[in-house]
Amino acid sequence: MPLFDLPLPELRTYRPDLAVPEDLDAFWTSTLEETRGHDLATTFTPVDTELTVIDTPRCDVREICPPSTVFAAYNHYGGPKEIIEYAWNDHEGGEGFHEIAKLRWLAERLGRMS
């Protein structure tokens, strides 16, 4: 589980004091229109890893990879799956937070953590 500076009830209701740019709606409208023009066909290719208890497919989305394509690929994939969103982590993939999550996931499957 990721570590946060706020208790969970406060974190759920937290809204940062940020100025909303005047062109925010126009930005997202044009971004979504642009993504609709890309071929979002996905492929899942098995990946060799040292972890034998996990099947780890590589998900490739052609051309671009905004969050909407990640969720589309996730929804399309028919195998066992879990998605963790790191809302303020851009393309870093969760970095240390996700390393902790992966280790906990593995420990749970090895029966070393309750």
Protein backbone atom coordinates (compact mmCIF):
# COMPACT_ATOMS: atom_id res chain seq x y z
CA MET A 1 0.00 0.00 0.00
CA PRO A 2 1.45 3.40 -0.89
CA LEU A 3 2.38 5.77 1.91
CA PHE A 4 0.72 9.18 2.05
CA ASP A 5 1.08 12.30 4.20
CA LEU A 6 -2.64 12.50 4.99
CA PRO A 7 -5.02 10.07 6.70
CA LEU A 8 -7.21 8.22 4.19
CA PRO A 9 -10.46 10.16 4.93
CA GLU A 10 -8.64 13.47 4.34
CA LEU A 11 -6.87 12.12 1.27
CA ARG A 12 -10.20 11.12 -0.30
CA THR A 13 -11.57 14.65 0.05
CA TYR A 14 -8.33 16.54 -0.60
CA ARG A 15 -8.48 19.08 -3.41
CA PRO A 16 -5.28 21.06 -4.06
CA ASP A 17 -5.48 24.83 -4.21
CA LEU A 18 -4.62 25.13 -7.90
CA ALA A 19 -5.60 27.76 -10.40
CA VAL A 20 -7.52 26.21 -13.28
CA PRO A 21 -6.15 27.47 -16.61
CA GLU A 22 -8.73 29.23 -18.76
CA ASP A 23 -8.03 26.90 -21.68
CA LEU A 24 -8.32 23.66 -19.66
CA ASP A 25 -11.57 22.50 -21.29
CA ALA A 26 -10.27 23.36 -24.76
CA PHE A 27 -7.03 21.51 -24.02
CA TRP A 28 -8.82 18.30 -23.00
CA THR A 29 -11.30 18.55 -25.87
CA SER A 30 -8.49 18.79 -28.43
CA THR A 31 -6.43 16.09 -26.67
CA LEU A 32 -9.32 13.63 -26.70
CA GLU A 33 -10.11 14.44 -30.34
CA GLU A 34 -6.46 13.81 -31.24
CA THR A 35 -6.36 10.45 -29.46
CA ARG A 36 -9.48 9.30 -31.28
CA GLY A 37 -7.50 9.60 -34.51
CA HIS A 38 -4.92 7.00 -33.44
CA ASP A 39 -5.10 3.26 -33.93
CA LEU A 40 -5.45 1.93 -30.40
CA ALA A 41 -5.08 -1.73 -31.27
CA THR A 42 -3.32 -3.52 -28.42
CA THR A 43 -1.05 -6.51 -28.35
CA PHE A 44 -0.13 -8.63 -25.34
CA THR A 45 3.18 -10.42 -25.61
CA PRO A 46 4.50 -12.82 -22.95
CA VAL A 47 7.62 -11.50 -21.26
CA ASP A 48 10.32 -13.67 -19.73
CA THR A 49 10.91 -12.64 -16.12
CA GLU A 50 12.65 -14.28 -13.20
CA LEU A 51 9.30 -14.44 -11.40
CA THR A 52 7.74 -17.80 -12.09
CA VAL A 53 4.52 -17.18 -10.14
CA ILE A 54 3.45 -14.27 -12.32
CA ASP A 55 2.49 -14.18 -15.98
CA THR A 56 3.67 -10.76 -17.09
CA PRO A 57 2.41 -9.65 -20.49
CA ARG A 58 3.81 -6.55 -22.09
CA CYS A 59 0.99 -4.31 -23.26
CA ASP A 60 1.80 -2.23 -26.31
CA VAL A 61 -0.53 0.46 -27.54
CA ARG A 62 0.42 1.83 -30.92
CA GLU A 63 1.62 5.41 -31.37
CA ILE A 64 0.58 7.02 -28.08
CA CYS A 65 -0.09 6.11 -24.48
CA PRO A 66 -2.40 8.53 -22.62
CA PRO A 67 -4.17 7.11 -19.55
CA SER A 68 -7.28 6.38 -21.61
CA THR A 69 -5.34 3.86 -23.71
CA VAL A 70 -3.98 2.16 -20.62
CA PHE A 71 -7.51 1.75 -19.27
CA ALA A 72 -8.74 0.56 -22.67
CA ALA A 73 -6.00 -2.06 -22.80
CA TYR A 74 -6.76 -3.10 -19.22
CA ASN A 75 -10.46 -3.48 -20.00
CA HIS A 76 -9.66 -5.40 -23.20
CA TYR A 77 -7.29 -7.90 -21.56
CA GLY A 78 -9.12 -11.08 -20.55
CA GLY A 79 -6.61 -12.55 -18.11
CA PRO A 80 -6.12 -11.94 -14.41
CA LYS A 81 -5.47 -8.27 -13.85
CA GLU A 82 -5.19 -5.43 -11.39
CA ILE A 83 -4.54 -1.80 -12.11
CA ILE A 84 -3.10 0.72 -9.68
CA GLU A 85 -3.39 4.39 -10.51
CA TYR A 86 -0.74 6.78 -9.26
CA ALA A 87 -2.60 9.99 -9.96
CA TRP A 88 0.29 12.42 -9.52
CA ASN A 89 3.09 10.29 -10.92
CA ASP A 90 2.85 10.99 -14.66
CA HIS A 91 4.80 8.38 -16.67
CA GLU A 92 7.05 7.24 -13.83
CA GLY A 93 4.80 4.22 -13.25
CA GLY A 94 4.52 4.65 -9.51
CA GLU A 95 8.27 4.51 -8.92
CA GLY A 96 8.92 3.62 -5.27
CA PHE A 97 5.23 3.28 -4.49
CA HIS A 98 4.87 0.59 -7.12
CA GLU A 99 8.06 -1.18 -6.03
CA ILE A 100 6.52 -1.51 -2.57
CA ALA A 101 3.23 -2.72 -4.06
CA LYS A 102 5.03 -5.35 -6.17
CA LEU A 103 6.99 -6.64 -3.18
CA ARG A 104 3.84 -6.85 -1.06
CA TRP A 105 2.02 -8.64 -3.89
CA LEU A 106 4.81 -11.19 -4.14
CA ALA A 107 5.07 -11.63 -0.37
CA GLU A 108 1.32 -12.29 -0.14
CA ARG A 109 1.60 -15.02 -2.75
CA LEU A 110 4.58 -16.55 -1.00
CA GLY A 111 2.61 -16.54 2.26
CA ARG A 112 5.02 -14.33 4.16
CA MET A 113 2.73 -11.44 4.84
CA SER A 114 -0.72 -11.23 6.37
